N, C-alpha and C. Protein backbone atom coordinates (compact mmCIF):
# COMPACT_ATOMS: atom_id res chain seq x y z
N MET A 1 -3.20 -28.96 -13.67
CA MET A 1 -3.18 -27.53 -13.75
C MET A 1 -2.33 -27.00 -12.59
N THR A 2 -1.41 -26.12 -12.87
CA THR A 2 -0.56 -25.56 -11.84
C THR A 2 -1.15 -24.25 -11.33
N SER A 3 -0.92 -23.98 -10.07
CA SER A 3 -1.42 -22.76 -9.45
C SER A 3 -0.33 -21.69 -9.50
N ARG A 4 -0.71 -20.51 -9.94
CA ARG A 4 0.25 -19.41 -9.99
C ARG A 4 0.32 -18.72 -8.64
N ILE A 5 1.51 -18.35 -8.23
CA ILE A 5 1.70 -17.64 -6.97
C ILE A 5 1.55 -16.15 -7.26
N PRO A 6 0.64 -15.46 -6.58
CA PRO A 6 0.41 -14.04 -6.82
C PRO A 6 1.50 -13.18 -6.18
N ILE A 7 2.66 -13.14 -6.82
CA ILE A 7 3.83 -12.46 -6.27
C ILE A 7 3.58 -10.98 -6.03
N ILE A 8 2.92 -10.31 -6.96
CA ILE A 8 2.68 -8.88 -6.80
C ILE A 8 1.88 -8.61 -5.54
N GLU A 9 0.82 -9.39 -5.32
CA GLU A 9 -0.02 -9.19 -4.14
C GLU A 9 0.74 -9.49 -2.85
N LEU A 10 1.54 -10.54 -2.86
CA LEU A 10 2.32 -10.87 -1.66
C LEU A 10 3.36 -9.79 -1.37
N PHE A 11 4.02 -9.30 -2.41
CA PHE A 11 5.02 -8.25 -2.27
C PHE A 11 4.38 -6.98 -1.70
N LEU A 12 3.24 -6.56 -2.26
CA LEU A 12 2.56 -5.36 -1.78
C LEU A 12 2.01 -5.55 -0.37
N SER A 13 1.62 -6.78 -0.02
CA SER A 13 1.15 -7.06 1.33
C SER A 13 2.28 -6.90 2.34
N ILE A 14 3.46 -7.36 1.99
CA ILE A 14 4.63 -7.21 2.87
C ILE A 14 4.93 -5.74 3.10
N ILE A 15 4.89 -4.95 2.05
CA ILE A 15 5.15 -3.51 2.19
C ILE A 15 4.07 -2.85 3.04
N SER A 16 2.81 -3.23 2.83
CA SER A 16 1.72 -2.67 3.63
C SER A 16 1.88 -3.04 5.11
N LEU A 17 2.24 -4.28 5.39
CA LEU A 17 2.45 -4.69 6.77
C LEU A 17 3.63 -3.96 7.41
N TRP A 18 4.67 -3.73 6.62
CA TRP A 18 5.83 -3.00 7.14
C TRP A 18 5.44 -1.56 7.46
N TRP A 19 4.67 -0.93 6.57
CA TRP A 19 4.19 0.43 6.86
C TRP A 19 3.35 0.43 8.13
N ALA A 20 2.50 -0.57 8.31
CA ALA A 20 1.67 -0.65 9.51
C ALA A 20 2.56 -0.75 10.76
N CYS A 21 3.58 -1.58 10.70
CA CYS A 21 4.51 -1.72 11.83
C CYS A 21 5.18 -0.38 12.14
N ILE A 22 5.62 0.31 11.11
CA ILE A 22 6.28 1.61 11.29
C ILE A 22 5.32 2.60 11.94
N CYS A 23 4.08 2.63 11.46
CA CYS A 23 3.10 3.58 11.99
C CYS A 23 2.73 3.27 13.43
N PHE A 24 2.57 1.99 13.77
CA PHE A 24 2.21 1.63 15.14
C PHE A 24 3.39 1.76 16.10
N ALA A 25 4.60 1.50 15.63
CA ALA A 25 5.78 1.55 16.50
C ALA A 25 6.26 2.98 16.74
N ASN A 26 5.91 3.88 15.85
CA ASN A 26 6.37 5.27 15.97
C ASN A 26 5.18 6.23 16.03
N PRO A 27 4.57 6.37 17.20
CA PRO A 27 3.38 7.22 17.28
C PRO A 27 3.65 8.71 17.02
N HIS A 28 4.92 9.09 17.01
CA HIS A 28 5.28 10.48 16.74
C HIS A 28 6.08 10.61 15.45
N LEU A 29 5.91 9.66 14.55
CA LEU A 29 6.65 9.66 13.29
C LEU A 29 6.43 10.95 12.50
N PHE A 30 5.17 11.38 12.42
CA PHE A 30 4.86 12.57 11.64
C PHE A 30 5.37 13.84 12.32
N ASP A 31 5.54 13.80 13.64
CA ASP A 31 6.08 14.95 14.37
C ASP A 31 7.59 15.05 14.23
N ASN A 32 8.26 13.89 14.13
CA ASN A 32 9.72 13.87 14.05
C ASN A 32 10.23 14.39 12.71
N LEU A 33 9.47 14.17 11.65
CA LEU A 33 9.84 14.64 10.31
C LEU A 33 8.67 15.45 9.73
N PRO A 34 8.36 16.60 10.34
CA PRO A 34 7.14 17.29 9.96
C PRO A 34 7.10 17.78 8.52
N ASP A 35 8.23 18.20 7.97
CA ASP A 35 8.20 18.68 6.59
C ASP A 35 7.97 17.56 5.59
N LEU A 36 8.39 16.35 5.93
CA LEU A 36 8.23 15.22 5.03
C LEU A 36 6.84 14.60 5.11
N TYR A 37 6.26 14.57 6.31
CA TYR A 37 4.99 13.89 6.51
C TYR A 37 3.82 14.84 6.79
N VAL A 38 3.96 16.09 6.41
CA VAL A 38 2.91 17.07 6.70
C VAL A 38 1.59 16.68 6.06
N VAL A 39 1.61 16.18 4.86
CA VAL A 39 0.38 15.79 4.16
C VAL A 39 -0.27 14.59 4.85
N PHE A 40 0.55 13.63 5.26
CA PHE A 40 0.03 12.44 5.94
C PHE A 40 -0.60 12.80 7.28
N ALA A 41 0.05 13.71 8.02
CA ALA A 41 -0.46 14.12 9.33
C ALA A 41 -1.80 14.84 9.20
N GLU A 42 -2.00 15.54 8.10
CA GLU A 42 -3.28 16.24 7.90
C GLU A 42 -4.41 15.26 7.61
N ILE A 43 -4.10 14.12 7.04
CA ILE A 43 -5.13 13.12 6.72
C ILE A 43 -5.50 12.31 7.95
N SER A 44 -4.50 11.81 8.68
CA SER A 44 -4.77 10.98 9.85
C SER A 44 -3.52 10.88 10.71
N GLN A 45 -3.70 10.37 11.93
CA GLN A 45 -2.56 10.11 12.80
C GLN A 45 -1.90 8.80 12.38
N GLU A 46 -0.77 8.50 13.00
CA GLU A 46 -0.02 7.31 12.67
C GLU A 46 -0.84 6.03 12.84
N LYS A 47 -1.60 5.94 13.92
CA LYS A 47 -2.39 4.73 14.17
C LYS A 47 -3.47 4.55 13.10
N GLY A 48 -4.05 5.65 12.64
CA GLY A 48 -5.04 5.57 11.57
C GLY A 48 -4.44 5.03 10.29
N TRP A 49 -3.26 5.52 9.95
CA TRP A 49 -2.55 5.01 8.77
C TRP A 49 -2.21 3.54 8.96
N GLY A 50 -1.78 3.16 10.17
CA GLY A 50 -1.45 1.76 10.44
C GLY A 50 -2.65 0.85 10.22
N CYS A 51 -3.81 1.28 10.67
CA CYS A 51 -5.04 0.48 10.47
C CYS A 51 -5.38 0.35 8.99
N ILE A 52 -5.19 1.42 8.25
CA ILE A 52 -5.47 1.38 6.81
C ILE A 52 -4.53 0.39 6.12
N PHE A 53 -3.25 0.44 6.48
CA PHE A 53 -2.29 -0.47 5.85
C PHE A 53 -2.54 -1.92 6.23
N ILE A 54 -2.91 -2.17 7.49
CA ILE A 54 -3.23 -3.55 7.89
C ILE A 54 -4.45 -4.04 7.13
N SER A 55 -5.44 -3.18 6.98
CA SER A 55 -6.65 -3.57 6.24
C SER A 55 -6.32 -3.93 4.80
N ALA A 56 -5.50 -3.10 4.16
CA ALA A 56 -5.14 -3.38 2.77
C ALA A 56 -4.40 -4.70 2.64
N ALA A 57 -3.47 -4.96 3.55
CA ALA A 57 -2.72 -6.22 3.52
C ALA A 57 -3.63 -7.40 3.80
N ALA A 58 -4.49 -7.27 4.81
CA ALA A 58 -5.37 -8.38 5.18
C ALA A 58 -6.34 -8.74 4.05
N ILE A 59 -6.87 -7.72 3.40
CA ILE A 59 -7.81 -7.99 2.30
C ILE A 59 -7.11 -8.74 1.17
N LYS A 60 -5.89 -8.33 0.85
CA LYS A 60 -5.14 -9.05 -0.21
C LYS A 60 -4.83 -10.49 0.22
N ILE A 61 -4.36 -10.65 1.45
CA ILE A 61 -3.98 -11.99 1.92
C ILE A 61 -5.20 -12.91 2.01
N PHE A 62 -6.30 -12.42 2.58
CA PHE A 62 -7.50 -13.24 2.66
C PHE A 62 -8.08 -13.53 1.28
N GLY A 63 -7.95 -12.57 0.37
CA GLY A 63 -8.41 -12.82 -1.00
C GLY A 63 -7.65 -13.95 -1.66
N ILE A 64 -6.35 -14.01 -1.39
CA ILE A 64 -5.53 -15.09 -1.94
C ILE A 64 -5.92 -16.42 -1.28
N LEU A 65 -6.00 -16.43 0.06
CA LEU A 65 -6.29 -17.67 0.78
C LEU A 65 -7.68 -18.21 0.48
N LEU A 66 -8.65 -17.30 0.37
CA LEU A 66 -10.03 -17.73 0.11
C LEU A 66 -10.35 -17.84 -1.38
N GLN A 67 -9.37 -17.48 -2.20
CA GLN A 67 -9.50 -17.51 -3.66
C GLN A 67 -10.70 -16.69 -4.12
N LYS A 68 -10.79 -15.48 -3.59
CA LYS A 68 -11.86 -14.55 -3.96
C LYS A 68 -11.27 -13.43 -4.81
N LYS A 69 -11.63 -13.45 -6.07
CA LYS A 69 -11.09 -12.47 -7.01
C LYS A 69 -11.45 -11.04 -6.62
N TRP A 70 -12.68 -10.82 -6.17
CA TRP A 70 -13.10 -9.47 -5.83
C TRP A 70 -12.31 -8.91 -4.65
N MET A 71 -11.96 -9.78 -3.67
CA MET A 71 -11.16 -9.33 -2.53
C MET A 71 -9.75 -8.97 -2.97
N ARG A 72 -9.20 -9.76 -3.85
CA ARG A 72 -7.85 -9.48 -4.36
C ARG A 72 -7.83 -8.15 -5.09
N LYS A 73 -8.84 -7.92 -5.92
CA LYS A 73 -8.91 -6.66 -6.67
C LYS A 73 -9.11 -5.47 -5.72
N LEU A 74 -9.94 -5.66 -4.70
CA LEU A 74 -10.15 -4.59 -3.72
C LEU A 74 -8.85 -4.26 -2.99
N GLY A 75 -8.14 -5.28 -2.55
CA GLY A 75 -6.86 -5.07 -1.86
C GLY A 75 -5.84 -4.38 -2.75
N LEU A 76 -5.78 -4.78 -4.00
CA LEU A 76 -4.85 -4.15 -4.94
C LEU A 76 -5.26 -2.71 -5.24
N THR A 77 -6.56 -2.46 -5.31
CA THR A 77 -7.03 -1.09 -5.52
C THR A 77 -6.67 -0.22 -4.32
N MET A 78 -6.81 -0.77 -3.12
CA MET A 78 -6.40 -0.03 -1.92
C MET A 78 -4.91 0.27 -1.95
N SER A 79 -4.11 -0.70 -2.37
CA SER A 79 -2.67 -0.47 -2.45
C SER A 79 -2.33 0.60 -3.48
N ALA A 80 -2.96 0.53 -4.64
CA ALA A 80 -2.71 1.54 -5.67
C ALA A 80 -3.05 2.93 -5.14
N PHE A 81 -4.18 3.03 -4.46
CA PHE A 81 -4.61 4.31 -3.90
C PHE A 81 -3.65 4.78 -2.81
N LEU A 82 -3.29 3.89 -1.87
CA LEU A 82 -2.40 4.26 -0.78
C LEU A 82 -1.03 4.70 -1.28
N TYR A 83 -0.43 3.91 -2.17
CA TYR A 83 0.90 4.27 -2.64
C TYR A 83 0.86 5.49 -3.54
N GLY A 84 -0.26 5.72 -4.22
CA GLY A 84 -0.44 6.96 -4.97
C GLY A 84 -0.50 8.16 -4.03
N ILE A 85 -1.21 8.00 -2.89
CA ILE A 85 -1.26 9.06 -1.89
C ILE A 85 0.12 9.34 -1.31
N ILE A 86 0.86 8.28 -1.03
CA ILE A 86 2.21 8.46 -0.47
C ILE A 86 3.09 9.20 -1.46
N SER A 87 3.07 8.78 -2.71
CA SER A 87 3.87 9.45 -3.73
C SER A 87 3.46 10.92 -3.88
N SER A 88 2.15 11.15 -3.91
CA SER A 88 1.65 12.53 -4.01
C SER A 88 2.01 13.34 -2.77
N GLY A 89 1.97 12.68 -1.62
CA GLY A 89 2.32 13.37 -0.38
C GLY A 89 3.76 13.86 -0.38
N PHE A 90 4.66 13.06 -0.90
CA PHE A 90 6.05 13.50 -1.00
C PHE A 90 6.17 14.69 -1.95
N ILE A 91 5.43 14.66 -3.04
CA ILE A 91 5.46 15.77 -3.99
C ILE A 91 4.88 17.03 -3.35
N LEU A 92 3.74 16.91 -2.68
CA LEU A 92 3.08 18.06 -2.06
C LEU A 92 3.88 18.65 -0.91
N SER A 93 4.71 17.84 -0.25
CA SER A 93 5.53 18.35 0.84
C SER A 93 6.86 18.91 0.33
N GLY A 94 7.01 18.98 -0.98
CA GLY A 94 8.20 19.60 -1.56
C GLY A 94 9.35 18.66 -1.82
N HIS A 95 9.14 17.36 -1.68
CA HIS A 95 10.20 16.38 -1.90
C HIS A 95 9.95 15.64 -3.22
N ILE A 96 10.09 16.37 -4.29
CA ILE A 96 9.78 15.80 -5.60
C ILE A 96 10.88 14.86 -6.07
N LEU A 97 12.11 15.27 -5.93
CA LEU A 97 13.22 14.48 -6.46
C LEU A 97 13.92 13.66 -5.38
N VAL A 98 13.14 12.86 -4.68
CA VAL A 98 13.71 11.91 -3.72
C VAL A 98 13.30 10.51 -4.18
N HIS A 99 14.04 9.52 -3.74
CA HIS A 99 13.78 8.15 -4.21
C HIS A 99 12.39 7.65 -3.82
N SER A 100 11.87 8.11 -2.70
CA SER A 100 10.56 7.63 -2.25
C SER A 100 9.43 8.01 -3.20
N THR A 101 9.51 9.19 -3.77
CA THR A 101 8.45 9.64 -4.68
C THR A 101 8.31 8.67 -5.85
N GLY A 102 9.41 8.38 -6.50
CA GLY A 102 9.40 7.47 -7.64
C GLY A 102 9.10 6.04 -7.25
N THR A 103 9.61 5.62 -6.10
CA THR A 103 9.39 4.25 -5.65
C THR A 103 7.92 3.99 -5.39
N TYR A 104 7.26 4.88 -4.68
CA TYR A 104 5.85 4.66 -4.38
C TYR A 104 4.95 4.88 -5.59
N PHE A 105 5.38 5.72 -6.52
CA PHE A 105 4.65 5.82 -7.78
C PHE A 105 4.73 4.48 -8.53
N ALA A 106 5.92 3.89 -8.55
CA ALA A 106 6.11 2.60 -9.22
C ALA A 106 5.29 1.51 -8.53
N LEU A 107 5.22 1.54 -7.21
CA LEU A 107 4.41 0.55 -6.48
C LEU A 107 2.92 0.72 -6.80
N SER A 108 2.50 1.95 -6.95
CA SER A 108 1.11 2.20 -7.33
C SER A 108 0.81 1.62 -8.71
N VAL A 109 1.73 1.83 -9.65
CA VAL A 109 1.57 1.27 -11.00
C VAL A 109 1.60 -0.26 -10.93
N LEU A 110 2.46 -0.81 -10.09
CA LEU A 110 2.53 -2.27 -9.93
C LEU A 110 1.21 -2.82 -9.39
N ALA A 111 0.59 -2.11 -8.46
CA ALA A 111 -0.70 -2.55 -7.93
C ALA A 111 -1.77 -2.51 -9.02
N ILE A 112 -1.75 -1.49 -9.85
CA ILE A 112 -2.71 -1.41 -10.96
C ILE A 112 -2.48 -2.55 -11.93
N TRP A 113 -1.22 -2.87 -12.18
CA TRP A 113 -0.89 -4.00 -13.04
C TRP A 113 -1.40 -5.31 -12.42
N GLY A 114 -1.28 -5.42 -11.10
CA GLY A 114 -1.76 -6.61 -10.40
C GLY A 114 -3.26 -6.79 -10.54
N ILE A 115 -4.01 -5.69 -10.52
CA ILE A 115 -5.46 -5.77 -10.72
C ILE A 115 -5.74 -6.39 -12.08
N ARG A 116 -5.00 -5.96 -13.06
CA ARG A 116 -5.16 -6.47 -14.42
C ARG A 116 -4.84 -7.97 -14.48
N GLU A 117 -3.88 -8.40 -13.67
CA GLU A 117 -3.43 -9.78 -13.71
C GLU A 117 -4.35 -10.76 -12.99
N VAL A 118 -5.22 -10.23 -12.12
CA VAL A 118 -6.16 -11.11 -11.42
C VAL A 118 -7.20 -11.56 -12.44
N MET A 119 -7.10 -12.81 -12.82
CA MET A 119 -7.98 -13.35 -13.86
C MET A 119 -8.87 -14.45 -13.30
N GLU A 120 -9.80 -14.87 -14.08
CA GLU A 120 -10.72 -15.92 -13.68
C GLU A 120 -10.00 -17.19 -13.23
N ARG A 121 -8.95 -17.55 -13.91
CA ARG A 121 -8.28 -18.82 -13.58
C ARG A 121 -7.49 -18.71 -12.27
N ASP A 122 -7.22 -17.47 -11.80
CA ASP A 122 -6.47 -17.30 -10.56
C ASP A 122 -7.34 -17.41 -9.33
N ALA A 123 -8.62 -17.20 -9.48
CA ALA A 123 -9.48 -17.16 -8.29
C ALA A 123 -10.58 -18.19 -8.34
């Protein structure tokens, strides 16, 4: 029996880790682009977002390593929620027709698809 590599989860984990790096490295990110990140700044500071993204990535990665289906689904649900918030945040800040809005919407859909793909034989 061959083991399938959970590409969607790994891909979303990389993006979550990159967002965490951006949030931790730029403590004034939301201040530098206030019109773009106004919705994000109202929810939490950059470090708070960084912790959320690290948590989402860690849950997915540990779910893969420990072969725990429920952890993988939880991590993917967190990613779907986070990327949905990001996409909505761009819309609410008035940036409807920018590439980020569609990209993060697509990532949210990809995370939902990943939840569907986590099957008994994978975990």
